[in-house]
């Protein structure tokens, strides 16, 4: 699934500038977690992280796990430090007002595969 399709499907806002809106990455998998130690176990390409955890550790964890799309749920807003680090790491950040549960359901219904 392409970035512009994801943004439209979950009513998301791209908050990381052109990195997200110009992305041609085709995402195939999703993992939802607020527990970053679980995220570090991921080894799949084309994976997005869906979370309600909105802090710098989320960005750093995604960087280590080589995840380049994070969807921040429940209406939480990324701060300037998060945006700066994400931009430096070429990580796309999307914000949505929807719950983690709803985002997972919407993406699953359009063919995004779960990891577990």
N, C-alpha and C. Protein backbone atom coordinates (compact mmCIF):
# COMPACT_ATOMS: atom_id res chain seq x y z
N UNK A 1 0.85 -1.17 0.00
CA UNK A 1 0.00 0.00 0.00
C UNK A 1 0.90 1.23 0.00
N UNK A 2 0.60 2.17 -0.84
CA UNK A 2 1.41 3.38 -0.97
C UNK A 2 1.04 4.41 0.11
N UNK A 3 1.98 5.29 0.38
CA UNK A 3 1.82 6.29 1.43
C UNK A 3 0.55 7.13 1.24
N UNK A 4 0.31 7.62 0.03
CA UNK A 4 -0.88 8.46 -0.18
C UNK A 4 -2.17 7.69 0.06
N UNK A 5 -2.18 6.39 -0.19
CA UNK A 5 -3.35 5.56 0.08
C UNK A 5 -3.56 5.40 1.58
N UNK A 6 -2.47 5.23 2.32
CA UNK A 6 -2.55 5.10 3.78
C UNK A 6 -3.09 6.37 4.39
N UNK A 7 -2.56 7.50 3.97
CA UNK A 7 -2.98 8.80 4.50
C UNK A 7 -4.48 9.00 4.30
N UNK A 8 -4.95 8.69 3.12
CA UNK A 8 -6.37 8.87 2.82
C UNK A 8 -7.24 7.90 3.62
N UNK A 9 -6.82 6.65 3.71
CA UNK A 9 -7.61 5.61 4.37
C UNK A 9 -7.84 5.88 5.85
N UNK A 10 -6.80 6.38 6.55
CA UNK A 10 -6.92 6.57 8.00
C UNK A 10 -7.05 8.03 8.40
N UNK A 11 -7.35 8.90 7.44
CA UNK A 11 -7.53 10.33 7.71
C UNK A 11 -6.33 10.90 8.45
N UNK A 12 -5.14 10.62 7.94
CA UNK A 12 -3.91 11.02 8.63
C UNK A 12 -3.38 12.35 8.08
N UNK A 13 -2.52 12.94 8.89
CA UNK A 13 -1.80 14.14 8.50
C UNK A 13 -0.32 13.80 8.45
N UNK A 14 0.32 14.14 7.36
CA UNK A 14 1.76 13.97 7.25
C UNK A 14 2.42 15.13 7.98
N UNK A 15 3.23 14.83 9.00
CA UNK A 15 3.82 15.89 9.81
C UNK A 15 5.34 15.96 9.67
N UNK A 16 5.88 15.19 8.77
CA UNK A 16 7.33 15.15 8.62
C UNK A 16 7.77 15.77 7.30
N UNK A 17 6.97 16.64 6.73
CA UNK A 17 7.35 17.33 5.51
C UNK A 17 7.28 16.44 4.29
N UNK A 18 8.12 16.76 3.33
CA UNK A 18 8.10 16.08 2.03
C UNK A 18 8.53 14.63 2.11
N UNK A 19 9.22 14.24 3.17
CA UNK A 19 9.67 12.85 3.29
C UNK A 19 8.49 11.91 3.14
N UNK A 20 7.37 12.25 3.76
CA UNK A 20 6.19 11.38 3.72
C UNK A 20 5.41 11.52 2.43
N UNK A 21 5.10 12.72 2.05
CA UNK A 21 4.21 12.92 0.91
C UNK A 21 4.84 12.51 -0.41
N UNK A 22 6.15 12.52 -0.50
CA UNK A 22 6.82 12.13 -1.74
C UNK A 22 7.24 10.66 -1.74
N UNK A 23 6.96 9.96 -0.66
CA UNK A 23 7.38 8.57 -0.54
C UNK A 23 6.68 7.68 -1.56
N UNK A 24 7.46 6.83 -2.19
CA UNK A 24 6.91 5.84 -3.12
C UNK A 24 7.04 4.43 -2.55
N UNK A 25 7.34 4.34 -1.26
CA UNK A 25 7.46 3.04 -0.60
C UNK A 25 6.11 2.33 -0.64
N UNK A 26 6.18 1.04 -0.84
CA UNK A 26 4.99 0.20 -0.86
C UNK A 26 5.01 -0.65 0.41
N UNK A 27 4.13 -0.33 1.36
CA UNK A 27 4.12 -1.01 2.65
C UNK A 27 3.25 -2.26 2.58
N UNK A 28 3.77 -3.33 3.19
CA UNK A 28 3.09 -4.62 3.13
C UNK A 28 2.67 -5.13 4.51
N UNK A 29 3.39 -4.73 5.56
CA UNK A 29 3.16 -5.23 6.91
C UNK A 29 2.93 -4.08 7.89
N UNK A 30 2.25 -4.38 9.00
CA UNK A 30 2.06 -3.42 10.07
C UNK A 30 2.27 -4.12 11.41
N UNK A 31 2.76 -3.35 12.35
CA UNK A 31 2.93 -3.83 13.73
C UNK A 31 2.44 -2.73 14.64
N UNK A 32 1.56 -3.06 15.56
CA UNK A 32 1.01 -2.08 16.49
C UNK A 32 1.53 -2.39 17.89
N UNK A 33 2.12 -1.37 18.52
CA UNK A 33 2.62 -1.57 19.88
C UNK A 33 2.95 -0.23 20.51
N UNK A 34 2.77 -0.17 21.82
CA UNK A 34 3.27 0.95 22.61
C UNK A 34 4.50 0.52 23.39
N UNK A 35 4.86 -0.75 23.28
CA UNK A 35 6.00 -1.31 23.98
C UNK A 35 7.17 -1.41 23.00
N UNK A 36 8.12 -0.49 23.10
CA UNK A 36 9.18 -0.38 22.12
C UNK A 36 10.15 -1.57 22.14
N UNK A 37 10.25 -2.27 23.26
CA UNK A 37 11.11 -3.45 23.28
C UNK A 37 10.57 -4.53 22.34
N UNK A 38 9.26 -4.59 22.15
CA UNK A 38 8.68 -5.53 21.18
C UNK A 38 9.01 -5.12 19.75
N UNK A 39 9.04 -3.83 19.51
CA UNK A 39 9.35 -3.32 18.17
C UNK A 39 10.77 -3.69 17.76
N UNK A 40 11.67 -3.71 18.70
CA UNK A 40 13.07 -4.03 18.39
C UNK A 40 13.26 -5.45 17.87
N UNK A 41 12.28 -6.31 18.06
CA UNK A 41 12.36 -7.69 17.59
C UNK A 41 12.01 -7.83 16.12
N UNK A 42 11.51 -6.77 15.50
CA UNK A 42 11.04 -6.84 14.11
C UNK A 42 12.20 -6.93 13.14
N UNK A 43 12.03 -7.77 12.13
CA UNK A 43 13.07 -7.92 11.10
C UNK A 43 12.47 -7.96 9.70
N UNK A 44 11.29 -7.39 9.52
CA UNK A 44 10.61 -7.44 8.24
C UNK A 44 10.77 -6.12 7.49
N UNK A 45 10.96 -6.21 6.18
CA UNK A 45 10.97 -5.02 5.34
C UNK A 45 9.54 -4.59 5.07
N UNK A 46 9.38 -3.35 4.60
CA UNK A 46 8.08 -2.80 4.21
C UNK A 46 7.08 -2.81 5.35
N UNK A 47 7.56 -2.50 6.56
CA UNK A 47 6.71 -2.53 7.75
C UNK A 47 6.47 -1.13 8.30
N UNK A 48 5.26 -0.89 8.76
CA UNK A 48 4.93 0.37 9.43
C UNK A 48 4.63 0.08 10.90
N UNK A 49 4.90 1.07 11.73
CA UNK A 49 4.62 0.98 13.16
C UNK A 49 3.40 1.83 13.48
N UNK A 50 2.44 1.25 14.15
CA UNK A 50 1.23 1.95 14.58
C UNK A 50 1.29 2.02 16.10
N UNK A 51 1.24 3.24 16.66
CA UNK A 51 1.41 3.38 18.10
C UNK A 51 0.70 4.62 18.63
N UNK A 52 0.50 4.62 19.91
CA UNK A 52 -0.01 5.79 20.61
C UNK A 52 1.10 6.44 21.43
N UNK A 53 2.28 5.87 21.39
CA UNK A 53 3.42 6.38 22.15
C UNK A 53 4.09 7.49 21.34
N UNK A 54 4.02 8.68 21.82
CA UNK A 54 4.47 9.85 21.06
C UNK A 54 5.63 10.51 21.80
N UNK A 55 6.85 9.98 21.57
CA UNK A 55 8.04 10.58 22.16
C UNK A 55 9.27 10.23 21.32
N UNK A 56 10.40 10.77 21.71
CA UNK A 56 11.65 10.59 20.96
C UNK A 56 12.05 9.12 20.91
N UNK A 57 11.78 8.37 21.97
CA UNK A 57 12.16 6.96 22.00
C UNK A 57 11.46 6.18 20.88
N UNK A 58 10.26 6.58 20.51
CA UNK A 58 9.55 5.93 19.42
C UNK A 58 10.34 6.08 18.11
N UNK A 59 10.83 7.28 17.88
CA UNK A 59 11.62 7.55 16.66
C UNK A 59 12.92 6.76 16.68
N UNK A 60 13.61 6.79 17.80
CA UNK A 60 14.89 6.07 17.91
C UNK A 60 14.71 4.57 17.76
N UNK A 61 13.63 4.05 18.31
CA UNK A 61 13.36 2.61 18.19
C UNK A 61 13.09 2.25 16.73
N UNK A 62 12.29 3.05 16.05
CA UNK A 62 12.01 2.80 14.63
C UNK A 62 13.29 2.87 13.81
N UNK A 63 14.15 3.79 14.15
CA UNK A 63 15.43 3.90 13.45
C UNK A 63 16.24 2.60 13.60
N UNK A 64 16.32 2.10 14.82
CA UNK A 64 17.08 0.87 15.08
C UNK A 64 16.44 -0.34 14.39
N UNK A 65 15.12 -0.36 14.29
CA UNK A 65 14.41 -1.48 13.67
C UNK A 65 14.26 -1.30 12.15
N UNK A 66 14.81 -0.21 11.64
CA UNK A 66 14.76 0.10 10.21
C UNK A 66 13.32 0.21 9.70
N UNK A 67 12.49 0.85 10.50
CA UNK A 67 11.11 1.14 10.12
C UNK A 67 11.06 2.59 9.67
N UNK A 68 10.49 2.84 8.50
CA UNK A 68 10.49 4.23 8.02
C UNK A 68 9.10 4.86 7.93
N UNK A 69 8.12 4.25 8.59
CA UNK A 69 6.81 4.87 8.71
C UNK A 69 6.24 4.60 10.10
N UNK A 70 5.92 5.68 10.80
CA UNK A 70 5.28 5.58 12.11
C UNK A 70 3.95 6.31 12.04
N UNK A 71 2.90 5.63 12.48
CA UNK A 71 1.58 6.25 12.56
C UNK A 71 1.28 6.48 14.03
N UNK A 72 1.16 7.75 14.41
CA UNK A 72 0.86 8.15 15.78
C UNK A 72 -0.66 8.32 15.90
N UNK A 73 -1.27 7.58 16.79
CA UNK A 73 -2.74 7.54 16.90
C UNK A 73 -3.26 8.34 18.09
N UNK A 74 -4.58 8.33 18.20
CA UNK A 74 -5.32 8.93 19.31
C UNK A 74 -5.14 10.45 19.42
N UNK A 75 -4.87 11.11 18.30
CA UNK A 75 -4.80 12.56 18.27
C UNK A 75 -3.57 13.16 18.92
N UNK A 76 -2.58 12.36 19.20
CA UNK A 76 -1.36 12.87 19.82
C UNK A 76 -0.52 13.62 18.79
N UNK A 77 0.21 14.62 19.25
CA UNK A 77 0.98 15.51 18.37
C UNK A 77 2.48 15.34 18.60
N UNK A 78 3.22 15.24 17.52
CA UNK A 78 4.68 15.14 17.58
C UNK A 78 5.27 16.50 17.91
N UNK A 79 6.30 16.51 18.77
CA UNK A 79 6.95 17.78 19.09
C UNK A 79 8.09 18.05 18.10
N UNK A 80 8.69 19.22 18.22
CA UNK A 80 9.74 19.66 17.29
C UNK A 80 10.95 18.73 17.29
N UNK A 81 11.32 18.23 18.46
CA UNK A 81 12.47 17.33 18.53
C UNK A 81 12.18 16.03 17.78
N UNK A 82 11.01 15.48 17.94
CA UNK A 82 10.62 14.27 17.22
C UNK A 82 10.68 14.50 15.72
N UNK A 83 10.13 15.61 15.27
CA UNK A 83 10.10 15.92 13.85
C UNK A 83 11.50 16.07 13.28
N UNK A 84 12.37 16.71 14.03
CA UNK A 84 13.75 16.91 13.59
C UNK A 84 14.50 15.58 13.44
N UNK A 85 14.37 14.73 14.44
CA UNK A 85 15.06 13.43 14.41
C UNK A 85 14.48 12.56 13.29
N UNK A 86 13.17 12.55 13.14
CA UNK A 86 12.54 11.75 12.09
C UNK A 86 13.01 12.21 10.71
N UNK A 87 13.10 13.50 10.53
CA UNK A 87 13.55 14.03 9.24
C UNK A 87 14.99 13.61 8.98
N UNK A 88 15.84 13.70 9.98
CA UNK A 88 17.24 13.30 9.84
C UNK A 88 17.38 11.81 9.52
N UNK A 89 16.45 11.01 10.00
CA UNK A 89 16.51 9.55 9.81
C UNK A 89 15.66 9.08 8.63
N UNK A 90 15.06 10.01 7.90
CA UNK A 90 14.16 9.67 6.78
C UNK A 90 13.02 8.76 7.23
N UNK A 91 12.45 9.09 8.37
CA UNK A 91 11.29 8.36 8.89
C UNK A 91 10.05 9.22 8.68
N UNK A 92 9.04 8.65 8.07
CA UNK A 92 7.78 9.36 7.85
C UNK A 92 6.93 9.27 9.12
N UNK A 93 6.35 10.39 9.48
CA UNK A 93 5.46 10.45 10.64
C UNK A 93 4.08 10.88 10.19
N UNK A 94 3.10 10.08 10.54
CA UNK A 94 1.71 10.43 10.29
C UNK A 94 1.00 10.53 11.63
N UNK A 95 0.10 11.48 11.74
CA UNK A 95 -0.75 11.61 12.93
C UNK A 95 -2.20 11.40 12.50
N UNK A 96 -2.94 10.70 13.34
CA UNK A 96 -4.36 10.50 13.09
C UNK A 96 -5.12 10.58 14.42
N UNK A 97 -6.36 11.00 14.33
CA UNK A 97 -7.20 11.06 15.52
C UNK A 97 -7.80 9.71 15.88
N UNK A 98 -7.70 8.76 14.98
CA UNK A 98 -8.28 7.43 15.19
C UNK A 98 -7.48 6.64 16.23
N UNK A 99 -8.14 5.64 16.80
CA UNK A 99 -7.48 4.75 17.77
C UNK A 99 -6.55 3.78 17.04
N UNK A 100 -5.65 3.19 17.79
CA UNK A 100 -4.77 2.16 17.25
C UNK A 100 -5.61 1.02 16.68
N UNK A 101 -6.63 0.63 17.40
CA UNK A 101 -7.50 -0.46 16.98
C UNK A 101 -8.14 -0.17 15.62
N UNK A 102 -8.67 1.02 15.46
CA UNK A 102 -9.34 1.37 14.19
C UNK A 102 -8.34 1.43 13.05
N UNK A 103 -7.18 2.03 13.28
CA UNK A 103 -6.16 2.11 12.23
C UNK A 103 -5.75 0.71 11.79
N UNK A 104 -5.52 -0.17 12.75
CA UNK A 104 -5.16 -1.56 12.41
C UNK A 104 -6.25 -2.22 11.58
N UNK A 105 -7.49 -2.04 11.98
CA UNK A 105 -8.61 -2.65 11.27
C UNK A 105 -8.74 -2.13 9.85
N UNK A 106 -8.64 -0.83 9.69
CA UNK A 106 -8.74 -0.23 8.34
C UNK A 106 -7.62 -0.74 7.44
N UNK A 107 -6.40 -0.74 7.94
CA UNK A 107 -5.27 -1.20 7.12
C UNK A 107 -5.38 -2.69 6.81
N UNK A 108 -5.80 -3.47 7.78
CA UNK A 108 -5.97 -4.91 7.56
C UNK A 108 -7.02 -5.18 6.49
N UNK A 109 -8.10 -4.43 6.53
CA UNK A 109 -9.18 -4.63 5.55
C UNK A 109 -8.75 -4.29 4.13
N UNK A 110 -7.70 -3.52 3.99
CA UNK A 110 -7.18 -3.18 2.66
C UNK A 110 -5.93 -3.97 2.30
N UNK A 111 -5.65 -5.04 3.04
CA UNK A 111 -4.61 -5.96 2.63
C UNK A 111 -3.28 -5.86 3.32
N UNK A 112 -3.12 -4.94 4.28
CA UNK A 112 -1.87 -4.89 5.04
C UNK A 112 -1.83 -6.12 5.96
N UNK A 113 -0.70 -6.80 5.96
CA UNK A 113 -0.58 -8.05 6.72
C UNK A 113 -0.01 -7.80 8.11
N UNK A 114 -0.51 -8.53 9.10
CA UNK A 114 0.07 -8.44 10.45
C UNK A 114 1.37 -9.26 10.50
N UNK A 115 2.24 -8.92 11.41
CA UNK A 115 3.48 -9.68 11.55
C UNK A 115 3.31 -10.92 12.41
N UNK A 116 2.38 -10.88 13.36
CA UNK A 116 2.18 -12.02 14.26
C UNK A 116 0.72 -12.37 14.30
